[in-house]
């Protein structure tokens, strides 16, 4: 994925390459034309790959955000289900599980937790 600054740099480089192709064509420098055209094709492929629907920039965090919210929903669903069977466990998990960019089990350090399996 490309951020806006990278896309701008690629577009500026494309303009330079187009000038280089025009100059090489004037000078009849076939090797330089071929090299510039390969560079141009690469940049266009990169810009195309980074574009979404309607040539809008793809959201860089899109997949990560969807995964994060999916994990959040799944954890909340599991805690709600556990609460139906063991309300004390459900309440403990609601207070102890942190979600966000990272998930963590962080029970209150002042409250002793004794697990019986």
PDB file of N, CA and C in Angstrom:
ATOM      1  N   UNK A   1       0.834  -1.170   0.000  1.00  0.00           N
ATOM      2  CA  UNK A   1       0.000   0.000   0.000  1.00  0.00           C
ATOM      3  C   UNK A   1       0.887   1.245   0.000  1.00  0.00           C
ATOM      4  N   UNK A   2       0.439   2.250  -0.679  1.00  0.00           N
ATOM      5  CA  UNK A   2       1.189   3.495  -0.774  1.00  0.00           C
ATOM      6  C   UNK A   2       0.441   4.604  -0.041  1.00  0.00           C
ATOM      7  N   UNK A   3       1.197   5.391   0.721  1.00  0.00           N
ATOM      8  CA  UNK A   3       0.570   6.555   1.322  1.00  0.00           C
ATOM      9  C   UNK A   3       0.557   7.682   0.288  1.00  0.00           C
ATOM     10  N   UNK A   4      -0.091   8.788   0.620  1.00  0.00           N
ATOM     11  CA  UNK A   4      -0.248   9.877  -0.349  1.00  0.00           C
ATOM     12  C   UNK A   4       1.099  10.454  -0.779  1.00  0.00           C
ATOM     13  N   UNK A   5       2.046  10.532   0.143  1.00  0.00           N
ATOM     14  CA  UNK A   5       3.365  11.073  -0.202  1.00  0.00           C
ATOM     15  C   UNK A   5       4.071  10.176  -1.225  1.00  0.00           C
ATOM     16  N   UNK A   6       3.971   8.863  -1.048  1.00  0.00           N
ATOM     17  CA  UNK A   6       4.596   7.928  -1.985  1.00  0.00           C
ATOM     18  C   UNK A   6       3.917   8.007  -3.353  1.00  0.00           C
ATOM     19  N   UNK A   7       2.589   8.103  -3.343  1.00  0.00           N
ATOM     20  CA  UNK A   7       1.872   8.227  -4.616  1.00  0.00           C
ATOM     21  C   UNK A   7       2.294   9.495  -5.357  1.00  0.00           C
ATOM     22  N   UNK A   8       2.450  10.585  -4.634  1.00  0.00           N
ATOM     23  CA  UNK A   8       2.888  11.840  -5.257  1.00  0.00           C
ATOM     24  C   UNK A   8       4.297  11.697  -5.830  1.00  0.00           C
ATOM     25  N   UNK A   9       5.178  11.055  -5.076  1.00  0.00           N
ATOM     26  CA  UNK A   9       6.550  10.837  -5.554  1.00  0.00           C
ATOM     27  C   UNK A   9       6.541   9.968  -6.815  1.00  0.00           C
ATOM     28  N   UNK A  10       5.726   8.922  -6.833  1.00  0.00           N
ATOM     29  CA  UNK A  10       5.631   8.068  -8.020  1.00  0.00           C
ATOM     30  C   UNK A  10       5.117   8.860  -9.214  1.00  0.00           C
ATOM     31  N   UNK A  11       4.114   9.700  -8.989  1.00  0.00           N
ATOM     32  CA  UNK A  11       3.573  10.496 -10.102  1.00  0.00           C
ATOM     33  C   UNK A  11       4.607  11.496 -10.622  1.00  0.00           C
ATOM     34  N   UNK A  12       5.361  12.100  -9.712  1.00  0.00           N
ATOM     35  CA  UNK A  12       6.426  13.018 -10.136  1.00  0.00           C
ATOM     36  C   UNK A  12       7.487  12.271 -10.939  1.00  0.00           C
ATOM     37  N   UNK A  13       7.827  11.071 -10.483  1.00  0.00           N
ATOM     38  CA  UNK A  13       8.819  10.263 -11.200  1.00  0.00           C
ATOM     39  C   UNK A  13       8.291   9.868 -12.570  1.00  0.00           C
ATOM     40  N   UNK A  14       6.987   9.588 -12.664  1.00  0.00           N
ATOM     41  CA  UNK A  14       6.400   9.278 -13.975  1.00  0.00           C
ATOM     42  C   UNK A  14       6.545  10.446 -14.947  1.00  0.00           C
ATOM     43  N   UNK A  15       6.345  11.652 -14.443  1.00  0.00           N
ATOM     44  CA  UNK A  15       6.509  12.835 -15.299  1.00  0.00           C
ATOM     45  C   UNK A  15       7.961  12.943 -15.782  1.00  0.00           C
ATOM     46  N   UNK A  16       8.909  12.672 -14.873  1.00  0.00           N
ATOM     47  CA  UNK A  16      10.330  12.698 -15.260  1.00  0.00           C
ATOM     48  C   UNK A  16      10.637  11.638 -16.309  1.00  0.00           C
ATOM     49  N   UNK A  17      10.061  10.455 -16.135  1.00  0.00           N
ATOM     50  CA  UNK A  17      10.284   9.363 -17.086  1.00  0.00           C
ATOM     51  C   UNK A  17       9.709   9.726 -18.448  1.00  0.00           C
ATOM     52  N   UNK A  18       8.516  10.330 -18.452  1.00  0.00           N
ATOM     53  CA  UNK A  18       7.924  10.748 -19.729  1.00  0.00           C
ATOM     54  C   UNK A  18       8.826  11.747 -20.451  1.00  0.00           C
ATOM     55  N   UNK A  19       9.408  12.670 -19.703  1.00  0.00           N
ATOM     56  CA  UNK A  19      10.359  13.628 -20.300  1.00  0.00           C
ATOM     57  C   UNK A  19      11.594  12.886 -20.818  1.00  0.00           C
ATOM     58  N   UNK A  20      12.063  11.912 -20.061  1.00  0.00           N
ATOM     59  CA  UNK A  20      13.234  11.131 -20.458  1.00  0.00           C
ATOM     60  C   UNK A  20      12.945  10.349 -21.739  1.00  0.00           C
ATOM     61  N   UNK A  21      11.741   9.782 -21.834  1.00  0.00           N
ATOM     62  CA  UNK A  21      11.367   9.043 -23.048  1.00  0.00           C
ATOM     63  C   UNK A  21      11.322   9.993 -24.246  1.00  0.00           C
ATOM     64  N   UNK A  22      10.750  11.169 -24.048  1.00  0.00           N
ATOM     65  CA  UNK A  22      10.693  12.147 -25.148  1.00  0.00           C
ATOM     66  C   UNK A  22      12.093  12.555 -25.579  1.00  0.00           C
ATOM     67  N   UNK A  23      12.976  12.806 -24.607  1.00  0.00           N
ATOM     68  CA  UNK A  23      14.355  13.190 -24.924  1.00  0.00           C
ATOM     69  C   UNK A  23      15.091  12.053 -25.625  1.00  0.00           C
ATOM     70  N   UNK A  24      14.923  10.825 -25.122  1.00  0.00           N
ATOM     71  CA  UNK A  24      15.596   9.671 -25.725  1.00  0.00           C
ATOM     72  C   UNK A  24      15.073   9.414 -27.138  1.00  0.00           C
ATOM     73  N   UNK A  25      13.791   9.679 -27.350  1.00  0.00           N
ATOM     74  CA  UNK A  25      13.215   9.510 -28.690  1.00  0.00           C
ATOM     75  C   UNK A  25      13.828  10.519 -29.649  1.00  0.00           C
ATOM     76  N   UNK A  26      13.985  11.747 -29.176  1.00  0.00           N
ATOM     77  CA  UNK A  26      14.615  12.786 -29.997  1.00  0.00           C
ATOM     78  C   UNK A  26      16.050  12.404 -30.357  1.00  0.00           C
ATOM     79  N   UNK A  27      16.748  11.798 -29.397  1.00  0.00           N
ATOM     80  CA  UNK A  27      18.151  11.417 -29.599  1.00  0.00           C
ATOM     81  C   UNK A  27      18.279  10.036 -30.263  1.00  0.00           C
ATOM     82  N   UNK A  28      17.131   9.383 -30.499  1.00  0.00           N
ATOM     83  CA  UNK A  28      17.103   8.051 -31.086  1.00  0.00           C
ATOM     84  C   UNK A  28      17.930   7.048 -30.262  1.00  0.00           C
ATOM     85  N   UNK A  29      17.810   7.158 -28.940  1.00  0.00           N
ATOM     86  CA  UNK A  29      18.536   6.281 -28.004  1.00  0.00           C
ATOM     87  C   UNK A  29      17.596   5.143 -27.580  1.00  0.00           C
ATOM     88  N   UNK A  30      17.607   4.055 -28.353  1.00  0.00           N
ATOM     89  CA  UNK A  30      16.667   2.966 -28.134  1.00  0.00           C
ATOM     90  C   UNK A  30      16.845   2.279 -26.784  1.00  0.00           C
ATOM     91  N   UNK A  31      18.073   2.121 -26.331  1.00  0.00           N
ATOM     92  CA  UNK A  31      18.320   1.472 -25.040  1.00  0.00           C
ATOM     93  C   UNK A  31      17.737   2.308 -23.901  1.00  0.00           C
ATOM     94  N   UNK A  32      17.929   3.612 -23.957  1.00  0.00           N
ATOM     95  CA  UNK A  32      17.393   4.520 -22.934  1.00  0.00           C
ATOM     96  C   UNK A  32      15.870   4.534 -22.963  1.00  0.00           C
ATOM     97  N   UNK A  33      15.284   4.484 -24.150  1.00  0.00           N
ATOM     98  CA  UNK A  33      13.827   4.434 -24.275  1.00  0.00           C
ATOM     99  C   UNK A  33      13.293   3.164 -23.622  1.00  0.00           C
ATOM    100  N   UNK A  34      13.924   2.036 -23.919  1.00  0.00           N
ATOM    101  CA  UNK A  34      13.471   0.756 -23.365  1.00  0.00           C
ATOM    102  C   UNK A  34      13.564   0.755 -21.843  1.00  0.00           C
ATOM    103  N   UNK A  35      14.663   1.247 -21.303  1.00  0.00           N
ATOM    104  CA  UNK A  35      14.847   1.298 -19.849  1.00  0.00           C
ATOM    105  C   UNK A  35      13.801   2.212 -19.205  1.00  0.00           C
ATOM    106  N   UNK A  36      13.569   3.368 -19.789  1.00  0.00           N
ATOM    107  CA  UNK A  36      12.590   4.312 -19.250  1.00  0.00           C
ATOM    108  C   UNK A  36      11.182   3.721 -19.320  1.00  0.00           C
ATOM    109  N   UNK A  37      10.881   3.014 -20.408  1.00  0.00           N
ATOM    110  CA  UNK A  37       9.555   2.411 -20.524  1.00  0.00           C
ATOM    111  C   UNK A  37       9.346   1.308 -19.482  1.00  0.00           C
ATOM    112  N   UNK A  38      10.404   0.546 -19.181  1.00  0.00           N
ATOM    113  CA  UNK A  38      10.288  -0.471 -18.124  1.00  0.00           C
ATOM    114  C   UNK A  38      10.037   0.193 -16.775  1.00  0.00           C
ATOM    115  N   UNK A  39      10.769   1.283 -16.497  1.00  0.00           N
ATOM    116  CA  UNK A  39      10.546   2.020 -15.243  1.00  0.00           C
ATOM    117  C   UNK A  39       9.112   2.543 -15.182  1.00  0.00           C
ATOM    118  N   UNK A  40       8.639   3.057 -16.303  1.00  0.00           N
ATOM    119  CA  UNK A  40       7.285   3.602 -16.363  1.00  0.00           C
ATOM    120  C   UNK A  40       6.242   2.515 -16.107  1.00  0.00           C
ATOM    121  N   UNK A  41       6.414   1.355 -16.723  1.00  0.00           N
ATOM    122  CA  UNK A  41       5.476   0.247 -16.519  1.00  0.00           C
ATOM    123  C   UNK A  41       5.462  -0.197 -15.055  1.00  0.00           C
ATOM    124  N   UNK A  42       6.646  -0.246 -14.429  1.00  0.00           N
ATOM    125  CA  UNK A  42       6.722  -0.635 -13.020  1.00  0.00           C
ATOM    126  C   UNK A  42       5.953   0.351 -12.146  1.00  0.00           C
ATOM    127  N   UNK A  43       6.184   1.648 -12.344  1.00  0.00           N
ATOM    128  CA  UNK A  43       5.509   2.664 -11.540  1.00  0.00           C
ATOM    129  C   UNK A  43       3.999   2.635 -11.745  1.00  0.00           C
ATOM    130  N   UNK A  44       3.565   2.459 -12.981  1.00  0.00           N
ATOM    131  CA  UNK A  44       2.135   2.396 -13.253  1.00  0.00           C
ATOM    132  C   UNK A  44       1.525   1.168 -12.575  1.00  0.00           C
ATOM    133  N   UNK A  45       2.220   0.046 -12.605  1.00  0.00           N
ATOM    134  CA  UNK A  45       1.721  -1.166 -11.937  1.00  0.00           C
ATOM    135  C   UNK A  45       1.603  -0.936 -10.429  1.00  0.00           C
ATOM    136  N   UNK A  46       2.576  -0.277  -9.832  1.00  0.00           N
ATOM    137  CA  UNK A  46       2.530  -0.002  -8.399  1.00  0.00           C
ATOM    138  C   UNK A  46       1.383   0.941  -8.051  1.00  0.00           C
ATOM    139  N   UNK A  47       1.203   1.974  -8.844  1.00  0.00           N
ATOM    140  CA  UNK A  47       0.103   2.905  -8.602  1.00  0.00           C
ATOM    141  C   UNK A  47      -1.242   2.225  -8.782  1.00  0.00           C
ATOM    142  N   UNK A  48      -1.354   1.377  -9.778  1.00  0.00           N
ATOM    143  CA  UNK A  48      -2.599   0.652 -10.027  1.00  0.00           C
ATOM    144  C   UNK A  48      -2.896  -0.301  -8.879  1.00  0.00           C
ATOM    145  N   UNK A  49      -1.868  -0.992  -8.401  1.00  0.00           N
ATOM    146  CA  UNK A  49      -2.038  -1.946  -7.302  1.00  0.00           C
ATOM    147  C   UNK A  49      -2.482  -1.253  -6.023  1.00  0.00           C
ATOM    148  N   UNK A  50      -2.047  -0.021  -5.822  1.00  0.00           N
ATOM    149  CA  UNK A  50      -2.380   0.699  -4.595  1.00  0.00           C
ATOM    150  C   UNK A  50      -3.743   1.380  -4.657  1.00  0.00           C
ATOM    151  N   UNK A  51      -4.352   1.409  -5.847  1.00  0.00           N
ATOM    152  CA  UNK A  51      -5.639   2.088  -6.004  1.00  0.00           C
ATOM    153  C   UNK A  51      -6.777   1.125  -5.723  1.00  0.00           C
ATOM    154  N   UNK A  52      -7.799   1.643  -5.094  1.00  0.00           N
ATOM    155  CA  UNK A  52      -8.996   0.853  -4.821  1.00  0.00           C
ATOM    156  C   UNK A  52     -10.061   1.143  -5.855  1.00  0.00           C
ATOM    157  N   UNK A  53     -11.299   0.924  -5.488  1.00  0.00           N
ATOM    158  CA  UNK A  53     -12.429   1.167  -6.382  1.00  0.00           C
ATOM    159  C   UNK A  53     -12.519   2.659  -6.690  1.00  0.00           C
ATOM    160  N   UNK A  54     -12.721   2.994  -7.937  1.00  0.00           N
ATOM    161  CA  UNK A  54     -12.847   4.391  -8.344  1.00  0.00           C
ATOM    162  C   UNK A  54     -11.544   5.161  -8.220  1.00  0.00           C
ATOM    163  N   UNK A  55     -10.410   4.456  -8.246  1.00  0.00           N
ATOM    164  CA  UNK A  55      -9.076   5.061  -8.143  1.00  0.00           C
ATOM    165  C   UNK A  55      -8.865   5.789  -6.823  1.00  0.00           C
ATOM    166  N   UNK A  56      -9.640   5.425  -5.793  1.00  0.00           N
ATOM    167  CA  UNK A  56      -9.397   5.981  -4.460  1.00  0.00           C
ATOM    168  C   UNK A  56      -8.281   5.186  -3.827  1.00  0.00           C
ATOM    169  N   UNK A  57      -7.539   5.832  -2.918  1.00  0.00           N
ATOM    170  CA  UNK A  57      -6.481   5.119  -2.212  1.00  0.00           C
ATOM    171  C   UNK A  57      -7.089   4.028  -1.358  1.00  0.00           C
ATOM    172  N   UNK A  58      -6.425   2.879  -1.343  1.00  0.00           N
ATOM    173  CA  UNK A  58      -6.864   1.811  -0.448  1.00  0.00           C
ATOM    174  C   UNK A  58      -6.579   2.238   0.974  1.00  0.00           C
ATOM    175  N   UNK A  59      -7.428   1.820   1.877  1.00  0.00           N
ATOM    176  CA  UNK A  59      -7.238   2.113   3.291  1.00  0.00           C
ATOM    177  C   UNK A  59      -6.171   1.174   3.824  1.00  0.00           C
ATOM    178  N   UNK A  60      -5.038   1.733   4.238  1.00  0.00           N
ATOM    179  CA  UNK A  60      -3.907   0.919   4.680  1.00  0.00           C
ATOM    180  C   UNK A  60      -4.289   0.051   5.863  1.00  0.00           C
ATOM    181  N   UNK A  61      -5.073   0.566   6.765  1.00  0.00           N
ATOM    182  CA  UNK A  61      -5.435  -0.195   7.945  1.00  0.00           C
ATOM    183  C   UNK A  61      -6.700  -1.002   7.789  1.00  0.00           C
ATOM    184  N   UNK A  62      -7.249  -1.100   6.600  1.00  0.00           N
ATOM    185  CA  UNK A  62      -8.516  -1.762   6.390  1.00  0.00           C
ATOM    186  C   UNK A  62      -8.557  -3.198   6.875  1.00  0.00           C
ATOM    187  N   UNK A  63      -7.633  -4.029   6.403  1.00  0.00           N
ATOM    188  CA  UNK A  63      -7.616  -5.433   6.807  1.00  0.00           C
ATOM    189  C   UNK A  63      -7.319  -5.578   8.291  1.00  0.00           C
ATOM    190  N   UNK A  64      -6.382  -4.808   8.784  1.00  0.00           N
ATOM    191  CA  UNK A  64      -6.024  -4.889  10.203  1.00  0.00           C
ATOM    192  C   UNK A  64      -7.200  -4.453  11.078  1.00  0.00           C
ATOM    193  N   UNK A  65      -7.894  -3.410  10.663  1.00  0.00           N
ATOM    194  CA  UNK A  65      -9.037  -2.934  11.435  1.00  0.00           C
ATOM    195  C   UNK A  65     -10.169  -3.955  11.438  1.00  0.00           C
ATOM    196  N   UNK A  66     -10.419  -4.572  10.288  1.00  0.00           N
ATOM    197  CA  UNK A  66     -11.455  -5.613  10.225  1.00  0.00           C
ATOM    198  C   UNK A  66     -11.088  -6.790  11.122  1.00  0.00           C
ATOM    199  N   UNK A  67      -9.825  -7.188  11.121  1.00  0.00           N
ATOM    200  CA  UNK A  67      -9.389  -8.293  11.983  1.00  0.00           C
ATOM    201  C   UNK A  67      -9.547  -7.920  13.450  1.00  0.00           C
ATOM    202  N   UNK A  68      -9.150  -6.700  13.799  1.00  0.00           N
ATOM    203  CA  UNK A  68      -9.245  -6.249  15.190  1.00  0.00           C
ATOM    204  C   UNK A  68     -10.694  -6.251  15.667  1.00  0.00           C
ATOM    205  N   UNK A  69     -11.602  -5.714  14.859  1.00  0.00           N
ATOM    206  CA  UNK A  69     -13.001  -5.676  15.272  1.00  0.00           C
ATOM    207  C   UNK A  69     -13.610  -7.071  15.309  1.00  0.00           C
ATOM    208  N   UNK A  70     -13.165  -7.951  14.422  1.00  0.00           N
ATOM    209  CA  UNK A  70     -13.646  -9.331  14.442  1.00  0.00           C
ATOM    210  C   UNK A  70     -13.221 -10.037  15.729  1.00  0.00           C
ATOM    211  N   UNK A  71     -11.985  -9.847  16.134  1.00  0.00           N
ATOM    212  CA  UNK A  71     -11.497 -10.437  17.389  1.00  0.00           C
ATOM    213  C   UNK A  71     -12.285  -9.871  18.561  1.00  0.00           C
ATOM    214  N   UNK A  72     -12.502  -8.555  18.563  1.00  0.00           N
ATOM    215  CA  UNK A  72     -13.262  -7.916  19.642  1.00  0.00           C
ATOM    216  C   UNK A  72     -14.666  -8.526  19.757  1.00  0.00           C
ATOM    217  N   UNK A  73     -15.359  -8.623  18.619  1.00  0.00           N
ATOM    218  CA  UNK A  73     -16.719  -9.189  18.630  1.00  0.00           C
ATOM    219  C   UNK A  73     -16.719 -10.643  19.099  1.00  0.00           C
ATOM    220  N   UNK A  74     -15.754 -11.417  18.626  1.00  0.00           N
ATOM    221  CA  UNK A  74     -15.688 -12.828  19.007  1.00  0.00           C
ATOM    222  C   UNK A  74     -15.427 -12.990  20.496  1.00  0.00           C
ATOM    223  N   UNK A  75     -14.517 -12.186  21.042  1.00  0.00           N
ATOM    224  CA  UNK A  75     -14.254 -12.247  22.488  1.00  0.00           C
ATOM    225  C   UNK A  75     -15.496 -11.856  23.282  1.00  0.00           C
ATOM    226  N   UNK A  76     -16.139 -10.783  22.890  1.00  0.00           N
ATOM    227  CA  UNK A  76     -17.343 -10.339  23.606  1.00  0.00           C
ATOM    228  C   UNK A  76     -18.450 -11.396  23.540  1.00  0.00           C
ATOM    229  N   UNK A  77     -18.599 -12.016  22.384  1.00  0.00           N
ATOM    230  CA  UNK A  77     -19.596 -13.068  22.238  1.00  0.00           C
ATOM    231  C   UNK A  77     -19.264 -14.233  23.175  1.00  0.00           C
ATOM    232  N   UNK A  78     -18.008 -14.661  23.205  1.00  0.00           N
ATOM    233  CA  UNK A  78     -17.596 -15.780  24.059  1.00  0.00           C
ATOM    234  C   UNK A  78     -17.796 -15.442  25.537  1.00  0.00           C
ATOM    235  N   UNK A  79     -17.474 -14.215  25.923  1.00  0.00           N
ATOM    236  CA  UNK A  79     -17.666 -13.804  27.322  1.00  0.00           C
ATOM    237  C   UNK A  79     -19.150 -13.782  27.675  1.00  0.00           C
ATOM    238  N   UNK A  80     -19.970 -13.273  26.767  1.00  0.00           N
ATOM    239  CA  UNK A  80     -21.417 -13.266  27.012  1.00  0.00           C
ATOM    240  C   UNK A  80     -21.949 -14.689  27.170  1.00  0.00           C
ATOM    241  N   UNK A  81     -21.484 -15.603  26.333  1.00  0.00           N
ATOM    242  CA  UNK A  81     -21.919 -17.003  26.430  1.00  0.00           C
ATOM    243  C   UNK A  81     -21.458 -17.630  27.740  1.00  0.00           C
ATOM    244  N   UNK A  82     -20.188 -17.352  28.122  1.00  0.00           N
ATOM    245  CA  UNK A  82     -19.670 -17.892  29.385  1.00  0.00           C
ATOM    246  C   UNK A  82     -20.465 -17.333  30.565  1.00  0.00           C
ATOM    247  N   UNK A  83     -20.891 -16.089  30.475  1.00  0.00           N
ATOM    248  CA  UNK A  83     -21.657 -15.450  31.559  1.00  0.00           C
ATOM    249  C   UNK A  83     -22.990 -16.127  31.800  1.00  0.00           C
ATOM    250  N   UNK A  84     -23.563 -16.704  30.754  1.00  0.00           N
ATOM    251  CA  UNK A  84     -24.837 -17.410  30.910  1.00  0.00           C
ATOM    252  C   UNK A  84     -24.681 -18.639  31.811  1.00  0.00           C
ATOM    253  N   UNK A  85     -23.510 -19.270  31.741  1.00  0.00           N
ATOM    254  CA  UNK A  85     -23.258 -20.489  32.515  1.00  0.00           C
ATOM    255  C   UNK A  85     -22.599 -20.161  33.852  1.00  0.00           C
ATOM    256  N   UNK A  86     -21.621 -19.251  33.814  1.00  0.00           N
ATOM    257  CA  UNK A  86     -20.862 -18.860  35.016  1.00  0.00           C
ATOM    258  C   UNK A  86     -20.806 -17.338  35.093  1.00  0.00           C
ATOM    259  N   UNK A  87     -21.805 -16.696  35.692  1.00  0.00           N
ATOM    260  CA  UNK A  87     -21.838 -15.228  35.744  1.00  0.00           C
ATOM    261  C   UNK A  87     -20.596 -14.607  36.395  1.00  0.00           C
ATOM    262  N   UNK A  88     -20.042 -15.232  37.407  1.00  0.00           N
ATOM    263  CA  UNK A  88     -18.853 -14.685  38.075  1.00  0.00           C
ATOM    264  C   UNK A  88     -17.666 -14.694  37.107  1.00  0.00           C
ATOM    265  N   UNK A  89     -17.504 -15.778  36.376  1.00  0.00           N
ATOM    266  CA  UNK A  89     -16.428 -15.863  35.379  1.00  0.00           C
ATOM    267  C   UNK A  89     -16.616 -14.792  34.304  1.00  0.00           C
ATOM    268  N   UNK A  90     -17.839 -14.639  33.816  1.00  0.00           N
ATOM    269  CA  UNK A  90     -18.108 -13.629  32.793  1.00  0.00           C
ATOM    270  C   UNK A  90     -17.740 -12.234  33.258  1.00  0.00           C
ATOM    271  N   UNK A  91     -18.109 -11.910  34.500  1.00  0.00           N
ATOM    272  CA  UNK A  91     -17.779 -10.584  35.034  1.00  0.00           C
ATOM    273  C   UNK A  91     -16.271 -10.407  35.183  1.00  0.00           C
ATOM    274  N   UNK A  92     -15.600 -11.454  35.645  1.00  0.00           N
ATOM    275  CA  UNK A  92     -14.132 -11.398  35.779  1.00  0.00           C
ATOM    276  C   UNK A  92     -13.483 -11.153  34.408  1.00  0.00           C
ATOM    277  N   UNK A  93     -13.925 -11.874  33.390  1.00  0.00           N
ATOM    278  CA  UNK A  93     -13.344 -11.712  32.056  1.00  0.00           C
ATOM    279  C   UNK A  93     -13.636 -10.331  31.481  1.00  0.00           C
ATOM    280  N   UNK A  94     -14.850  -9.798  31.719  1.00  0.00           N
ATOM    281  CA  UNK A  94     -15.174  -8.443  31.241  1.00  0.00           C
ATOM    282  C   UNK A  94     -14.224  -7.404  31.833  1.00  0.00           C
ATOM    283  N   UNK A  95     -13.883  -7.576  33.102  1.00  0.00           N
ATOM    284  CA  UNK A  95     -12.979  -6.626  33.766  1.00  0.00           C
ATOM    285  C   UNK A  95     -11.519  -6.866  33.413  1.00  0.00           C
ATOM    286  N   UNK A  96     -11.164  -8.079  32.997  1.00  0.00           N
ATOM    287  CA  UNK A  96      -9.751  -8.450  32.859  1.00  0.00           C
ATOM    288  C   UNK A  96      -9.228  -8.486  31.428  1.00  0.00           C
ATOM    289  N   UNK A  97     -10.092  -8.599  30.444  1.00  0.00           N
ATOM    290  CA  UNK A  97      -9.631  -8.696  29.059  1.00  0.00           C
ATOM    291  C   UNK A  97      -9.658  -7.318  28.422  1.00  0.00           C
ATOM    292  N   UNK A  98      -8.511  -6.920  27.891  1.00  0.00           N
ATOM    293  CA  UNK A  98      -8.361  -5.634  27.205  1.00  0.00           C
ATOM    294  C   UNK A  98      -8.210  -5.900  25.714  1.00  0.00           C
ATOM    295  N   UNK A  99      -8.935  -5.141  24.927  1.00  0.00           N
ATOM    296  CA  UNK A  99      -8.812  -5.262  23.477  1.00  0.00           C
ATOM    297  C   UNK A  99      -8.386  -3.919  22.905  1.00  0.00           C
ATOM    298  N   UNK A 100      -7.968  -3.944  21.690  1.00  0.00           N
ATOM    299  CA  UNK A 100      -7.489  -2.744  20.997  1.00  0.00           C
ATOM    300  C   UNK A 100      -6.526  -3.223  19.934  1.00  0.00           C
ATOM    301  N   UNK A 101      -5.397  -2.540  19.793  1.00  0.00           N
ATOM    302  CA  UNK A 101      -4.389  -2.993  18.841  1.00  0.00           C
ATOM    303  C   UNK A 101      -3.829  -4.342  19.278  1.00  0.00           C
ATOM    304  N   UNK A 102      -3.798  -4.571  20.583  1.00  0.00           N
ATOM    305  CA  UNK A 102      -3.342  -5.843  21.156  1.00  0.00           C
ATOM    306  C   UNK A 102      -4.413  -6.306  22.134  1.00  0.00           C
ATOM    307  N   UNK A 103      -4.512  -7.609  22.329  1.00  0.00           N
ATOM    308  CA  UNK A 103      -5.425  -8.163  23.322  1.00  0.00           C
ATOM    309  C   UNK A 103      -4.593  -8.660  24.489  1.00  0.00           C
ATOM    310  N   UNK A 104      -5.138  -8.495  25.689  1.00  0.00           N
ATOM    311  CA  UNK A 104      -4.400  -8.931  26.877  1.00  0.00           C
ATOM    312  C   UNK A 104      -5.364  -9.352  27.969  1.00  0.00           C
ATOM    313  N   UNK A 105      -4.925 -10.320  28.733  1.00  0.00           N
ATOM    314  CA  UNK A 105      -5.640 -10.723  29.939  1.00  0.00           C
ATOM    315  C   UNK A 105      -4.890 -10.069  31.088  1.00  0.00           C
ATOM    316  N   UNK A 106      -5.529  -9.090  31.730  1.00  0.00           N
ATOM    317  CA  UNK A 106      -4.897  -8.333  32.812  1.00  0.00           C
ATOM    318  C   UNK A 106      -5.825  -8.295  34.020  1.00  0.00           C
ATOM    319  N   UNK A 107      -5.781  -9.347  34.827  1.00  0.00           N
ATOM    320  CA  UNK A 107      -6.637  -9.334  36.015  1.00  0.00           C
ATOM    321  C   UNK A 107      -6.138  -8.308  37.023  1.00  0.00           C
ATOM    322  N   UNK A 108      -7.019  -7.883  37.904  1.00  0.00           N
ATOM    323  CA  UNK A 108      -6.670  -6.937  38.958  1.00  0.00           C
ATOM    324  C   UNK A 108      -5.584  -7.559  39.836  1.00  0.00           C
ATOM    325  N   UNK A 109      -4.414  -6.933  39.941  1.00  0.00           N
ATOM    326  CA  UNK A 109      -3.325  -7.530  40.730  1.00  0.00           C
ATOM    327  C   UNK A 109      -3.630  -7.571  42.233  1.00  0.00           C
ATOM    328  N   UNK A 110      -4.590  -6.786  42.688  1.00  0.00           N
ATOM    329  CA  UNK A 110      -4.930  -6.765  44.116  1.00  0.00           C
ATOM    330  C   UNK A 110      -5.950  -7.839  44.484  1.00  0.00           C
ATOM    331  N   UNK A 111      -6.543  -8.461  43.464  1.00  0.00           N
ATOM    332  CA  UNK A 111      -7.531  -9.503  43.711  1.00  0.00           C
ATOM    333  C   UNK A 111      -6.940 -10.848  43.307  1.00  0.00           C
ATOM    334  N   UNK A 112      -6.858 -11.760  44.246  1.00  0.00           N
ATOM    335  CA  UNK A 112      -6.311 -13.092  43.946  1.00  0.00           C
ATOM    336  C   UNK A 112      -7.311 -13.877  43.102  1.00  0.00           C
ATOM    337  N   UNK A 113      -6.791 -14.540  42.081  1.00  0.00           N
ATOM    338  CA  UNK A 113      -7.629 -15.374  41.227  1.00  0.00           C
ATOM    339  C   UNK A 113      -7.200 -16.819  41.455  1.00  0.00           C
ATOM    340  N   UNK A 114      -8.157 -17.657  41.823  1.00  0.00           N
ATOM    341  CA  UNK A 114      -7.893 -19.075  42.009  1.00  0.00           C
ATOM    342  C   UNK A 114      -8.706 -19.835  40.970  1.00  0.00           C
ATOM    343  N   UNK A 115      -8.000 -20.539  40.103  1.00  0.00           N
ATOM    344  CA  UNK A 115      -8.664 -21.281  39.049  1.00  0.00           C
ATOM    345  C   UNK A 115      -8.882 -22.722  39.492  1.00  0.00           C
ATOM    346  N   UNK A 116     -10.055 -23.236  39.286  1.00  0.00           N
ATOM    347  CA  UNK A 116     -10.367 -24.642  39.542  1.00  0.00           C
ATOM    348  C   UNK A 116     -10.885 -25.230  38.233  1.00  0.00           C
ATOM    349  N   UNK A 117     -10.161 -26.223  37.746  1.00  0.00           N
ATOM    350  CA  UNK A 117     -10.565 -26.850  36.472  1.00  0.00           C
ATOM    351  C   UNK A 117     -11.071 -28.241  36.713  1.00  0.00           C
TER     352      UNK A 117
END
